[in-house]
Amino acid sequence: MSTAVLKSKSALINHVSAQEIDKQIRRGKAVLRELKATLEDLEDRRELAAARKRNGGKAGTPLRQAAKELGL
């Protein structure tokens, strides 16, 4: 094969590789976003469990009163 053909094939392979790398980066970022959302949900659940434990046995705030206090 000529040098020009080899360079052409090499350029094509590098181009495809760059596209594949970009695709993998996008997938990785999507996975990280999903993991971050899951972690935030778990942190919220931990805070809720701690609040329930702290307030165990105490009367809660009625929904209507809470809505009124929040201006809903």
N, C-alpha and C. Protein backbone atom coordinates (compact mmCIF):
# COMPACT_ATOMS: atom_id res chain seq x y z
N MET A 1 0.83 -1.18 0.00
CA MET A 1 0.00 0.00 0.00
C MET A 1 0.87 1.24 0.00
N SER A 2 0.35 2.26 -0.62
CA SER A 2 1.12 3.50 -0.68
C SER A 2 1.00 4.24 0.65
N THR A 3 1.92 5.14 0.86
CA THR A 3 1.91 5.94 2.08
C THR A 3 0.65 6.79 2.16
N ALA A 4 0.18 7.31 1.03
CA ALA A 4 -1.02 8.14 1.01
C ALA A 4 -2.24 7.34 1.46
N VAL A 5 -2.34 6.09 0.99
CA VAL A 5 -3.47 5.24 1.38
C VAL A 5 -3.41 4.94 2.87
N LEU A 6 -2.22 4.64 3.37
CA LEU A 6 -2.07 4.36 4.80
C LEU A 6 -2.44 5.58 5.64
N LYS A 7 -1.98 6.76 5.20
CA LYS A 7 -2.32 7.99 5.93
C LYS A 7 -3.82 8.23 5.90
N SER A 8 -4.44 7.96 4.76
CA SER A 8 -5.87 8.14 4.62
C SER A 8 -6.63 7.21 5.56
N LYS A 9 -6.23 5.94 5.60
CA LYS A 9 -6.88 4.98 6.50
C LYS A 9 -6.65 5.37 7.95
N SER A 10 -5.45 5.81 8.26
CA SER A 10 -5.14 6.22 9.62
C SER A 10 -6.00 7.41 10.04
N ALA A 11 -6.17 8.37 9.14
CA ALA A 11 -7.01 9.53 9.43
C ALA A 11 -8.45 9.11 9.65
N LEU A 12 -8.95 8.17 8.85
CA LEU A 12 -10.32 7.69 8.99
C LEU A 12 -10.49 6.97 10.33
N ILE A 13 -9.52 6.14 10.68
CA ILE A 13 -9.58 5.42 11.96
C ILE A 13 -9.57 6.41 13.11
N ASN A 14 -8.70 7.42 13.04
CA ASN A 14 -8.64 8.43 14.09
C ASN A 14 -9.94 9.21 14.18
N HIS A 15 -10.55 9.50 13.05
CA HIS A 15 -11.82 10.23 13.03
C HIS A 15 -12.92 9.40 13.69
N VAL A 16 -12.99 8.13 13.33
CA VAL A 16 -13.99 7.24 13.93
C VAL A 16 -13.72 7.10 15.42
N SER A 17 -12.48 6.98 15.79
CA SER A 17 -12.13 6.84 17.19
C SER A 17 -12.54 8.08 17.98
N ALA A 18 -12.34 9.25 17.41
CA ALA A 18 -12.73 10.49 18.08
C ALA A 18 -14.24 10.52 18.27
N GLN A 19 -14.99 10.08 17.26
CA GLN A 19 -16.45 10.04 17.38
C GLN A 19 -16.86 9.06 18.47
N GLU A 20 -16.21 7.92 18.50
CA GLU A 20 -16.53 6.90 19.52
C GLU A 20 -16.19 7.42 20.92
N ILE A 21 -15.08 8.11 21.03
CA ILE A 21 -14.70 8.69 22.32
C ILE A 21 -15.73 9.71 22.76
N ASP A 22 -16.18 10.56 21.85
CA ASP A 22 -17.21 11.55 22.18
C ASP A 22 -18.49 10.87 22.65
N LYS A 23 -18.84 9.78 21.98
CA LYS A 23 -20.04 9.02 22.35
C LYS A 23 -19.89 8.44 23.76
N GLN A 24 -18.72 7.90 24.06
CA GLN A 24 -18.47 7.34 25.38
C GLN A 24 -18.49 8.41 26.45
N ILE A 25 -17.97 9.58 26.13
CA ILE A 25 -17.99 10.69 27.08
C ILE A 25 -19.42 11.10 27.38
N ARG A 26 -20.26 11.19 26.34
CA ARG A 26 -21.67 11.55 26.55
C ARG A 26 -22.36 10.51 27.43
N ARG A 27 -22.09 9.23 27.16
CA ARG A 27 -22.68 8.16 27.98
C ARG A 27 -22.20 8.27 29.43
N GLY A 28 -20.92 8.51 29.60
CA GLY A 28 -20.36 8.64 30.94
C GLY A 28 -20.98 9.80 31.71
N LYS A 29 -21.17 10.92 31.03
CA LYS A 29 -21.79 12.08 31.68
C LYS A 29 -23.23 11.78 32.07
N ALA A 30 -23.95 11.06 31.21
CA ALA A 30 -25.33 10.68 31.52
C ALA A 30 -25.38 9.77 32.75
N VAL A 31 -24.44 8.84 32.83
CA VAL A 31 -24.38 7.94 33.99
C VAL A 31 -24.08 8.74 35.25
N LEU A 32 -23.15 9.68 35.16
CA LEU A 32 -22.82 10.51 36.32
C LEU A 32 -24.01 11.34 36.78
N ARG A 33 -24.78 11.90 35.82
CA ARG A 33 -25.97 12.66 36.20
C ARG A 33 -26.97 11.77 36.94
N GLU A 34 -27.15 10.55 36.44
CA GLU A 34 -28.08 9.62 37.08
C GLU A 34 -27.59 9.23 38.48
N LEU A 35 -26.29 8.98 38.61
CA LEU A 35 -25.73 8.65 39.92
C LEU A 35 -25.88 9.81 40.90
N LYS A 36 -25.67 11.03 40.42
CA LYS A 36 -25.81 12.20 41.28
C LYS A 36 -27.24 12.34 41.77
N ALA A 37 -28.21 12.16 40.87
CA ALA A 37 -29.62 12.25 41.26
C ALA A 37 -29.96 11.16 42.27
N THR A 38 -29.45 9.96 42.06
CA THR A 38 -29.71 8.86 42.99
C THR A 38 -29.10 9.16 44.35
N LEU A 39 -27.89 9.68 44.37
CA LEU A 39 -27.23 10.03 45.62
C LEU A 39 -28.02 11.11 46.37
N GLU A 40 -28.50 12.12 45.65
CA GLU A 40 -29.29 13.17 46.28
C GLU A 40 -30.57 12.60 46.88
N ASP A 41 -31.22 11.68 46.16
CA ASP A 41 -32.43 11.03 46.69
C ASP A 41 -32.12 10.25 47.96
N LEU A 42 -31.01 9.53 47.97
CA LEU A 42 -30.63 8.77 49.16
C LEU A 42 -30.32 9.68 50.34
N GLU A 43 -29.67 10.81 50.08
CA GLU A 43 -29.40 11.77 51.15
C GLU A 43 -30.70 12.32 51.72
N ASP A 44 -31.67 12.61 50.85
CA ASP A 44 -32.98 13.08 51.30
C ASP A 44 -33.66 12.03 52.18
N ARG A 45 -33.58 10.76 51.76
CA ARG A 45 -34.19 9.69 52.54
C ARG A 45 -33.52 9.56 53.91
N ARG A 46 -32.19 9.73 53.94
CA ARG A 46 -31.48 9.66 55.22
C ARG A 46 -31.93 10.79 56.15
N GLU A 47 -32.06 12.01 55.60
CA GLU A 47 -32.52 13.14 56.40
C GLU A 47 -33.94 12.92 56.91
N LEU A 48 -34.81 12.37 56.06
CA LEU A 48 -36.18 12.09 56.46
C LEU A 48 -36.22 11.05 57.58
N ALA A 49 -35.42 9.99 57.44
CA ALA A 49 -35.38 8.95 58.47
C ALA A 49 -34.88 9.53 59.80
N ALA A 50 -33.88 10.40 59.75
CA ALA A 50 -33.36 11.02 60.97
C ALA A 50 -34.41 11.91 61.61
N ALA A 51 -35.15 12.66 60.80
CA ALA A 51 -36.20 13.53 61.32
C ALA A 51 -37.32 12.72 61.96
N ARG A 52 -37.68 11.61 61.32
CA ARG A 52 -38.72 10.74 61.89
C ARG A 52 -38.27 10.17 63.23
N LYS A 53 -37.02 9.78 63.31
CA LYS A 53 -36.49 9.23 64.55
C LYS A 53 -36.46 10.31 65.64
N ARG A 54 -36.02 11.50 65.27
CA ARG A 54 -35.96 12.63 66.20
C ARG A 54 -37.34 13.00 66.72
N ASN A 55 -38.33 12.96 65.83
CA ASN A 55 -39.68 13.39 66.18
C ASN A 55 -40.60 12.23 66.54
N GLY A 56 -40.04 11.06 66.74
CA GLY A 56 -40.85 9.88 67.05
C GLY A 56 -41.80 10.14 68.20
N GLY A 57 -43.08 9.86 67.98
CA GLY A 57 -44.08 10.02 69.03
C GLY A 57 -44.67 11.41 69.11
N LYS A 58 -44.04 12.39 68.49
CA LYS A 58 -44.58 13.75 68.51
C LYS A 58 -45.65 13.89 67.44
N ALA A 59 -46.63 14.72 67.73
CA ALA A 59 -47.68 14.98 66.74
C ALA A 59 -47.09 15.80 65.59
N GLY A 60 -47.49 15.47 64.38
CA GLY A 60 -47.03 16.21 63.21
C GLY A 60 -47.90 17.43 62.95
N THR A 61 -47.53 18.20 61.94
CA THR A 61 -48.31 19.36 61.54
C THR A 61 -49.36 18.92 60.52
N PRO A 62 -50.62 19.26 60.76
CA PRO A 62 -51.65 18.90 59.78
C PRO A 62 -51.36 19.52 58.41
N LEU A 63 -51.73 18.81 57.36
CA LEU A 63 -51.44 19.25 56.00
C LEU A 63 -52.00 20.63 55.72
N ARG A 64 -53.23 20.87 56.11
CA ARG A 64 -53.85 22.19 55.85
C ARG A 64 -53.08 23.31 56.53
N GLN A 65 -52.65 23.07 57.75
CA GLN A 65 -51.89 24.09 58.48
C GLN A 65 -50.55 24.34 57.79
N ALA A 66 -49.88 23.28 57.40
CA ALA A 66 -48.59 23.43 56.72
C ALA A 66 -48.76 24.18 55.41
N ALA A 67 -49.81 23.85 54.65
CA ALA A 67 -50.07 24.54 53.38
C ALA A 67 -50.33 26.02 53.62
N LYS A 68 -51.09 26.32 54.66
CA LYS A 68 -51.40 27.72 54.98
C LYS A 68 -50.12 28.48 55.35
N GLU A 69 -49.29 27.85 56.17
CA GLU A 69 -48.03 28.49 56.58
C GLU A 69 -47.10 28.73 55.39
N LEU A 70 -47.18 27.85 54.40
CA LEU A 70 -46.34 27.99 53.22
C LEU A 70 -46.99 28.86 52.14
N GLY A 71 -48.21 29.30 52.39
CA GLY A 71 -48.90 30.15 51.44
C GLY A 71 -49.40 29.41 50.21
N LEU A 72 -49.73 28.16 50.38
CA LEU A 72 -50.23 27.36 49.26
C LEU A 72 -51.74 27.29 49.24
